[in-house]
Amino acid sequence: MMAKINVKKKEIAIISVADNDYVSITYIAKYKNPNNADDVIKNWLQNRNTIELLGLWETLHNPNFKPLEFEGFKKEAEIK
């Protein structure tokens, strides 16, 4: 059974891996748009701040992260 928290009267899934907790962005997107959560996530992934946050997260937590490849990804996504 997946753990959940309640935020603004909505359940948000929490996934625990190796003593770390992760929040489900799908559940958060469903709060914004219950019928088209995928569109909400697509919009988030087109946002410069989201892309930069993902790059920072990977830099801090992924020893195999390749920053030069990520720069290419940012350019391809038109994030300058």
PDB file of N, CA and C in Angstrom:
ATOM      1  N   MET A   1       0.837  -1.187   0.000  1.00  0.00           N
ATOM      2  CA  MET A   1       0.000   0.000   0.000  1.00  0.00           C
ATOM      3  C   MET A   1       0.880   1.248   0.000  1.00  0.00           C
ATOM      4  N   MET A   2       0.572   2.176  -0.867  1.00  0.00           N
ATOM      5  CA  MET A   2       1.350   3.390  -1.006  1.00  0.00           C
ATOM      6  C   MET A   2       0.921   4.410   0.056  1.00  0.00           C
ATOM      7  N   ALA A   3       1.895   5.048   0.685  1.00  0.00           N
ATOM      8  CA  ALA A   3       1.581   6.083   1.673  1.00  0.00           C
ATOM      9  C   ALA A   3       1.046   7.317   0.959  1.00  0.00           C
ATOM     10  N   LYS A   4       0.183   8.047   1.651  1.00  0.00           N
ATOM     11  CA  LYS A   4      -0.386   9.261   1.072  1.00  0.00           C
ATOM     12  C   LYS A   4      -0.460  10.343   2.134  1.00  0.00           C
ATOM     13  N   ILE A   5      -0.403  11.583   1.677  1.00  0.00           N
ATOM     14  CA  ILE A   5      -0.647  12.724   2.544  1.00  0.00           C
ATOM     15  C   ILE A   5      -1.829  13.486   1.964  1.00  0.00           C
ATOM     16  N   ASN A   6      -2.477  14.285   2.783  1.00  0.00           N
ATOM     17  CA  ASN A   6      -3.587  15.108   2.319  1.00  0.00           C
ATOM     18  C   ASN A   6      -3.137  16.554   2.204  1.00  0.00           C
ATOM     19  N   VAL A   7      -3.345  17.127   1.028  1.00  0.00           N
ATOM     20  CA  VAL A   7      -3.010  18.520   0.764  1.00  0.00           C
ATOM     21  C   VAL A   7      -4.236  19.164   0.136  1.00  0.00           C
ATOM     22  N   LYS A   8      -4.768  20.169   0.771  1.00  0.00           N
ATOM     23  CA  LYS A   8      -5.959  20.862   0.267  1.00  0.00           C
ATOM     24  C   LYS A   8      -7.074  19.882  -0.070  1.00  0.00           C
ATOM     25  N   LYS A   9      -7.294  18.940   0.835  1.00  0.00           N
ATOM     26  CA  LYS A   9      -8.358  17.940   0.728  1.00  0.00           C
ATOM     27  C   LYS A   9      -8.162  16.968  -0.442  1.00  0.00           C
ATOM     28  N   LYS A  10      -6.936  16.853  -0.940  1.00  0.00           N
ATOM     29  CA  LYS A  10      -6.603  15.897  -2.002  1.00  0.00           C
ATOM     30  C   LYS A  10      -5.501  14.977  -1.507  1.00  0.00           C
ATOM     31  N   GLU A  11      -5.611  13.699  -1.864  1.00  0.00           N
ATOM     32  CA  GLU A  11      -4.564  12.747  -1.499  1.00  0.00           C
ATOM     33  C   GLU A  11      -3.418  12.820  -2.501  1.00  0.00           C
ATOM     34  N   ILE A  12      -2.204  12.883  -1.969  1.00  0.00           N
ATOM     35  CA  ILE A  12      -0.988  12.904  -2.776  1.00  0.00           C
ATOM     36  C   ILE A  12      -0.164  11.686  -2.374  1.00  0.00           C
ATOM     37  N   ALA A  13       0.229  10.881  -3.363  1.00  0.00           N
ATOM     38  CA  ALA A  13       1.000   9.669  -3.084  1.00  0.00           C
ATOM     39  C   ALA A  13       2.432  10.018  -2.695  1.00  0.00           C
ATOM     40  N   ILE A  14       2.934   9.288  -1.713  1.00  0.00           N
ATOM     41  CA  ILE A  14       4.322   9.394  -1.269  1.00  0.00           C
ATOM     42  C   ILE A  14       4.969   8.032  -1.496  1.00  0.00           C
ATOM     43  N   ILE A  15       6.087   8.035  -2.186  1.00  0.00           N
ATOM     44  CA  ILE A  15       6.809   6.795  -2.451  1.00  0.00           C
ATOM     45  C   ILE A  15       8.122   6.854  -1.677  1.00  0.00           C
ATOM     46  N   SER A  16       8.419   5.817  -0.915  1.00  0.00           N
ATOM     47  CA  SER A  16       9.653   5.759  -0.137  1.00  0.00           C
ATOM     48  C   SER A  16      10.617   4.770  -0.781  1.00  0.00           C
ATOM     49  N   VAL A  17      11.848   5.254  -0.997  1.00  0.00           N
ATOM     50  CA  VAL A  17      12.905   4.418  -1.555  1.00  0.00           C
ATOM     51  C   VAL A  17      14.161   4.679  -0.737  1.00  0.00           C
ATOM     52  N   ALA A  18      14.674   3.631  -0.112  1.00  0.00           N
ATOM     53  CA  ALA A  18      15.920   3.724   0.659  1.00  0.00           C
ATOM     54  C   ALA A  18      15.895   4.902   1.637  1.00  0.00           C
ATOM     55  N   ASP A  19      14.863   4.967   2.444  1.00  0.00           N
ATOM     56  CA  ASP A  19      14.710   6.007   3.465  1.00  0.00           C
ATOM     57  C   ASP A  19      14.544   7.419   2.905  1.00  0.00           C
ATOM     58  N   ASN A  20      14.237   7.548   1.628  1.00  0.00           N
ATOM     59  CA  ASN A  20      13.931   8.841   1.025  1.00  0.00           C
ATOM     60  C   ASN A  20      12.484   8.830   0.570  1.00  0.00           C
ATOM     61  N   ASP A  21      11.784   9.936   0.782  1.00  0.00           N
ATOM     62  CA  ASP A  21      10.392  10.051   0.362  1.00  0.00           C
ATOM     63  C   ASP A  21      10.290  10.924  -0.879  1.00  0.00           C
ATOM     64  N   TYR A  22       9.438  10.506  -1.808  1.00  0.00           N
ATOM     65  CA  TYR A  22       9.217  11.226  -3.051  1.00  0.00           C
ATOM     66  C   TYR A  22       7.726  11.471  -3.234  1.00  0.00           C
ATOM     67  N   VAL A  23       7.383  12.661  -3.704  1.00  0.00           N
ATOM     68  CA  VAL A  23       5.990  13.034  -3.933  1.00  0.00           C
ATOM     69  C   VAL A  23       5.650  12.766  -5.393  1.00  0.00           C
ATOM     70  N   SER A  24       4.459  12.249  -5.639  1.00  0.00           N
ATOM     71  CA  SER A  24       4.013  11.967  -7.001  1.00  0.00           C
ATOM     72  C   SER A  24       3.542  13.249  -7.686  1.00  0.00           C
ATOM     73  N   ILE A  25       4.249  13.675  -8.742  1.00  0.00           N
ATOM     74  CA  ILE A  25       3.811  14.871  -9.460  1.00  0.00           C
ATOM     75  C   ILE A  25       2.531  14.615 -10.244  1.00  0.00           C
ATOM     76  N   THR A  26       2.261  13.361 -10.555  1.00  0.00           N
ATOM     77  CA  THR A  26       1.013  13.038 -11.249  1.00  0.00           C
ATOM     78  C   THR A  26      -0.183  13.387 -10.376  1.00  0.00           C
ATOM     79  N   TYR A  27      -0.103  13.070  -9.101  1.00  0.00           N
ATOM     80  CA  TYR A  27      -1.199  13.404  -8.187  1.00  0.00           C
ATOM     81  C   TYR A  27      -1.357  14.920  -8.072  1.00  0.00           C
ATOM     82  N   ILE A  28      -0.244  15.642  -8.045  1.00  0.00           N
ATOM     83  CA  ILE A  28      -0.306  17.103  -7.967  1.00  0.00           C
ATOM     84  C   ILE A  28      -0.917  17.666  -9.249  1.00  0.00           C
ATOM     85  N   ALA A  29      -0.521  17.132 -10.386  1.00  0.00           N
ATOM     86  CA  ALA A  29      -1.079  17.585 -11.661  1.00  0.00           C
ATOM     87  C   ALA A  29      -2.577  17.304 -11.739  1.00  0.00           C
ATOM     88  N   LYS A  30      -3.000  16.183 -11.182  1.00  0.00           N
ATOM     89  CA  LYS A  30      -4.433  15.859 -11.171  1.00  0.00           C
ATOM     90  C   LYS A  30      -5.223  16.855 -10.334  1.00  0.00           C
ATOM     91  N   TYR A  31      -4.589  17.457  -9.344  1.00  0.00           N
ATOM     92  CA  TYR A  31      -5.259  18.492  -8.554  1.00  0.00           C
ATOM     93  C   TYR A  31      -5.549  19.704  -9.435  1.00  0.00           C
ATOM     94  N   LYS A  32      -4.561  20.078 -10.259  1.00  0.00           N
ATOM     95  CA  LYS A  32      -4.743  21.232 -11.140  1.00  0.00           C
ATOM     96  C   LYS A  32      -5.729  20.948 -12.256  1.00  0.00           C
ATOM     97  N   ASN A  33      -5.675  19.732 -12.815  1.00  0.00           N
ATOM     98  CA  ASN A  33      -6.555  19.387 -13.932  1.00  0.00           C
ATOM     99  C   ASN A  33      -6.842  17.889 -13.879  1.00  0.00           C
ATOM    100  N   PRO A  34      -7.926  17.499 -13.211  1.00  0.00           N
ATOM    101  CA  PRO A  34      -8.218  16.076 -13.001  1.00  0.00           C
ATOM    102  C   PRO A  34      -8.347  15.260 -14.288  1.00  0.00           C
ATOM    103  N   ASN A  35      -8.779  15.879 -15.364  1.00  0.00           N
ATOM    104  CA  ASN A  35      -9.006  15.136 -16.605  1.00  0.00           C
ATOM    105  C   ASN A  35      -7.805  15.106 -17.540  1.00  0.00           C
ATOM    106  N   ASN A  36      -6.897  16.049 -17.384  1.00  0.00           N
ATOM    107  CA  ASN A  36      -5.744  16.131 -18.293  1.00  0.00           C
ATOM    108  C   ASN A  36      -4.459  16.418 -17.527  1.00  0.00           C
ATOM    109  N   ALA A  37      -4.146  15.570 -16.561  1.00  0.00           N
ATOM    110  CA  ALA A  37      -2.923  15.760 -15.779  1.00  0.00           C
ATOM    111  C   ALA A  37      -1.684  15.718 -16.671  1.00  0.00           C
ATOM    112  N   ASP A  38      -1.739  14.940 -17.742  1.00  0.00           N
ATOM    113  CA  ASP A  38      -0.588  14.851 -18.640  1.00  0.00           C
ATOM    114  C   ASP A  38      -0.273  16.195 -19.287  1.00  0.00           C
ATOM    115  N   ASP A  39      -1.295  16.985 -19.608  1.00  0.00           N
ATOM    116  CA  ASP A  39      -1.056  18.310 -20.181  1.00  0.00           C
ATOM    117  C   ASP A  39      -0.388  19.241 -19.173  1.00  0.00           C
ATOM    118  N   VAL A  40      -0.777  19.129 -17.919  1.00  0.00           N
ATOM    119  CA  VAL A  40      -0.157  19.938 -16.865  1.00  0.00           C
ATOM    120  C   VAL A  40       1.329  19.601 -16.772  1.00  0.00           C
ATOM    121  N   ILE A  41       1.650  18.316 -16.769  1.00  0.00           N
ATOM    122  CA  ILE A  41       3.051  17.891 -16.674  1.00  0.00           C
ATOM    123  C   ILE A  41       3.832  18.330 -17.912  1.00  0.00           C
ATOM    124  N   LYS A  42       3.238  18.230 -19.100  1.00  0.00           N
ATOM    125  CA  LYS A  42       3.909  18.710 -20.321  1.00  0.00           C
ATOM    126  C   LYS A  42       4.255  20.188 -20.196  1.00  0.00           C
ATOM    127  N   ASN A  43       3.323  20.982 -19.671  1.00  0.00           N
ATOM    128  CA  ASN A  43       3.589  22.411 -19.492  1.00  0.00           C
ATOM    129  C   ASN A  43       4.708  22.647 -18.493  1.00  0.00           C
ATOM    130  N   TRP A  44       4.710  21.894 -17.396  1.00  0.00           N
ATOM    131  CA  TRP A  44       5.792  22.035 -16.422  1.00  0.00           C
ATOM    132  C   TRP A  44       7.138  21.746 -17.069  1.00  0.00           C
ATOM    133  N   LEU A  45       7.195  20.721 -17.912  1.00  0.00           N
ATOM    134  CA  LEU A  45       8.466  20.317 -18.522  1.00  0.00           C
ATOM    135  C   LEU A  45       8.933  21.279 -19.609  1.00  0.00           C
ATOM    136  N   GLN A  46       8.087  22.206 -20.003  1.00  0.00           N
ATOM    137  CA  GLN A  46       8.490  23.231 -20.966  1.00  0.00           C
ATOM    138  C   GLN A  46       8.946  24.506 -20.267  1.00  0.00           C
ATOM    139  N   ASN A  47       8.868  24.517 -18.957  1.00  0.00           N
ATOM    140  CA  ASN A  47       9.201  25.698 -18.176  1.00  0.00           C
ATOM    141  C   ASN A  47      10.692  25.707 -17.850  1.00  0.00           C
ATOM    142  N   ARG A  48      11.323  26.832 -18.089  1.00  0.00           N
ATOM    143  CA  ARG A  48      12.759  26.971 -17.854  1.00  0.00           C
ATOM    144  C   ARG A  48      13.141  26.593 -16.421  1.00  0.00           C
ATOM    145  N   ASN A  49      12.368  27.047 -15.445  1.00  0.00           N
ATOM    146  CA  ASN A  49      12.692  26.761 -14.048  1.00  0.00           C
ATOM    147  C   ASN A  49      12.630  25.269 -13.745  1.00  0.00           C
ATOM    148  N   THR A  50      11.673  24.573 -14.340  1.00  0.00           N
ATOM    149  CA  THR A  50      11.562  23.128 -14.126  1.00  0.00           C
ATOM    150  C   THR A  50      12.783  22.412 -14.682  1.00  0.00           C
ATOM    151  N   ILE A  51      13.174  22.766 -15.896  1.00  0.00           N
ATOM    152  CA  ILE A  51      14.342  22.134 -16.530  1.00  0.00           C
ATOM    153  C   ILE A  51      15.593  22.402 -15.693  1.00  0.00           C
ATOM    154  N   GLU A  52      15.753  23.627 -15.234  1.00  0.00           N
ATOM    155  CA  GLU A  52      16.928  23.949 -14.427  1.00  0.00           C
ATOM    156  C   GLU A  52      16.912  23.214 -13.088  1.00  0.00           C
ATOM    157  N   LEU A  53      15.735  23.073 -12.480  1.00  0.00           N
ATOM    158  CA  LEU A  53      15.627  22.313 -11.231  1.00  0.00           C
ATOM    159  C   LEU A  53      16.010  20.854 -11.457  1.00  0.00           C
ATOM    160  N   LEU A  54      15.542  20.269 -12.558  1.00  0.00           N
ATOM    161  CA  LEU A  54      15.900  18.877 -12.860  1.00  0.00           C
ATOM    162  C   LEU A  54      17.408  18.727 -13.035  1.00  0.00           C
ATOM    163  N   GLY A  55      18.034  19.693 -13.707  1.00  0.00           N
ATOM    164  CA  GLY A  55      19.485  19.653 -13.880  1.00  0.00           C
ATOM    165  C   GLY A  55      20.225  19.755 -12.556  1.00  0.00           C
ATOM    166  N   LEU A  56      19.770  20.649 -11.686  1.00  0.00           N
ATOM    167  CA  LEU A  56      20.389  20.791 -10.370  1.00  0.00           C
ATOM    168  C   LEU A  56      20.207  19.523  -9.547  1.00  0.00           C
ATOM    169  N   TRP A  57      18.983  18.979  -9.564  1.00  0.00           N
ATOM    170  CA  TRP A  57      18.698  17.739  -8.820  1.00  0.00           C
ATOM    171  C   TRP A  57      19.630  16.619  -9.286  1.00  0.00           C
ATOM    172  N   GLU A  58      19.751  16.459 -10.595  1.00  0.00           N
ATOM    173  CA  GLU A  58      20.609  15.400 -11.134  1.00  0.00           C
ATOM    174  C   GLU A  58      22.072  15.643 -10.763  1.00  0.00           C
ATOM    175  N   THR A  59      22.508  16.888 -10.806  1.00  0.00           N
ATOM    176  CA  THR A  59      23.881  17.215 -10.430  1.00  0.00           C
ATOM    177  C   THR A  59      24.168  16.808  -8.986  1.00  0.00           C
ATOM    178  N   LEU A  60      23.212  17.062  -8.106  1.00  0.00           N
ATOM    179  CA  LEU A  60      23.403  16.771  -6.684  1.00  0.00           C
ATOM    180  C   LEU A  60      23.234  15.299  -6.331  1.00  0.00           C
ATOM    181  N   HIS A  61      22.357  14.590  -7.052  1.00  0.00           N
ATOM    182  CA  HIS A  61      21.962  13.252  -6.612  1.00  0.00           C
ATOM    183  C   HIS A  61      22.305  12.108  -7.569  1.00  0.00           C
ATOM    184  N   ASN A  62      22.800  12.419  -8.737  1.00  0.00           N
ATOM    185  CA  ASN A  62      23.079  11.366  -9.711  1.00  0.00           C
ATOM    186  C   ASN A  62      24.565  11.385 -10.070  1.00  0.00           C
ATOM    187  N   PRO A  63      25.340  10.448  -9.537  1.00  0.00           N
ATOM    188  CA  PRO A  63      26.774  10.440  -9.829  1.00  0.00           C
ATOM    189  C   PRO A  63      27.080  10.171 -11.301  1.00  0.00           C
ATOM    190  N   ASN A  64      26.117   9.648 -12.047  1.00  0.00           N
ATOM    191  CA  ASN A  64      26.323   9.367 -13.470  1.00  0.00           C
ATOM    192  C   ASN A  64      25.759  10.461 -14.377  1.00  0.00           C
ATOM    193  N   PHE A  65      25.320  11.569 -13.788  1.00  0.00           N
ATOM    194  CA  PHE A  65      24.749  12.674 -14.564  1.00  0.00           C
ATOM    195  C   PHE A  65      25.803  13.251 -15.495  1.00  0.00           C
ATOM    196  N   LYS A  66      25.389  13.567 -16.708  1.00  0.00           N
ATOM    197  CA  LYS A  66      26.299  14.092 -17.723  1.00  0.00           C
ATOM    198  C   LYS A  66      25.887  15.523 -18.058  1.00  0.00           C
ATOM    199  N   PRO A  67      26.526  16.517 -17.407  1.00  0.00           N
ATOM    200  CA  PRO A  67      26.103  17.905 -17.591  1.00  0.00           C
ATOM    201  C   PRO A  67      26.225  18.406 -19.028  1.00  0.00           C
ATOM    202  N   LEU A  68      27.211  17.947 -19.771  1.00  0.00           N
ATOM    203  CA  LEU A  68      27.336  18.392 -21.160  1.00  0.00           C
ATOM    204  C   LEU A  68      26.176  17.885 -22.007  1.00  0.00           C
ATOM    205  N   GLU A  69      25.756  16.654 -21.782  1.00  0.00           N
ATOM    206  CA  GLU A  69      24.588  16.133 -22.493  1.00  0.00           C
ATOM    207  C   GLU A  69      23.334  16.888 -22.085  1.00  0.00           C
ATOM    208  N   PHE A  70      23.258  17.266 -20.817  1.00  0.00           N
ATOM    209  CA  PHE A  70      22.102  18.020 -20.341  1.00  0.00           C
ATOM    210  C   PHE A  70      22.045  19.387 -21.012  1.00  0.00           C
ATOM    211  N   GLU A  71      23.186  20.024 -21.219  1.00  0.00           N
ATOM    212  CA  GLU A  71      23.202  21.313 -21.924  1.00  0.00           C
ATOM    213  C   GLU A  71      22.615  21.161 -23.321  1.00  0.00           C
ATOM    214  N   GLY A  72      22.957  20.057 -23.995  1.00  0.00           N
ATOM    215  CA  GLY A  72      22.371  19.791 -25.307  1.00  0.00           C
ATOM    216  C   GLY A  72      20.871  19.615 -25.226  1.00  0.00           C
ATOM    217  N   PHE A  73      20.420  18.940 -24.182  1.00  0.00           N
ATOM    218  CA  PHE A  73      18.986  18.754 -23.971  1.00  0.00           C
ATOM    219  C   PHE A  73      18.295  20.094 -23.765  1.00  0.00           C
ATOM    220  N   LYS A  74      18.910  20.978 -22.953  1.00  0.00           N
ATOM    221  CA  LYS A  74      18.324  22.295 -22.712  1.00  0.00           C
ATOM    222  C   LYS A  74      18.216  23.086 -24.013  1.00  0.00           C
ATOM    223  N   LYS A  75      19.246  23.016 -24.841  1.00  0.00           N
ATOM    224  CA  LYS A  75      19.205  23.731 -26.121  1.00  0.00           C
ATOM    225  C   LYS A  75      18.123  23.161 -27.026  1.00  0.00           C
ATOM    226  N   GLU A  76      18.008  21.845 -27.052  1.00  0.00           N
ATOM    227  CA  GLU A  76      16.981  21.201 -27.874  1.00  0.00           C
ATOM    228  C   GLU A  76      15.580  21.586 -27.400  1.00  0.00           C
ATOM    229  N   ALA A  77      15.441  21.771 -26.099  1.00  0.00           N
ATOM    230  CA  ALA A  77      14.147  22.159 -25.529  1.00  0.00           C
ATOM    231  C   ALA A  77      13.951  23.673 -25.603  1.00  0.00           C
ATOM    232  N   GLU A  78      14.885  24.376 -26.234  1.00  0.00           N
ATOM    233  CA  GLU A  78      14.853  25.829 -26.369  1.00  0.00           C
ATOM    234  C   GLU A  78      14.875  26.528 -25.019  1.00  0.00           C
ATOM    235  N   ILE A  79      15.586  25.936 -24.069  1.00  0.00           N
ATOM    236  CA  ILE A  79      15.785  26.539 -22.754  1.00  0.00           C
ATOM    237  C   ILE A  79      17.190  27.119 -22.759  1.00  0.00           C
ATOM    238  N   LYS A  80      17.297  28.393 -22.723  1.00  0.00           N
ATOM    239  CA  LYS A  80      18.603  29.044 -22.802  1.00  0.00           C
ATOM    240  C   LYS A  80      18.961  29.672 -21.473  1.00  0.00           C
TER     241      LYS A  80
END
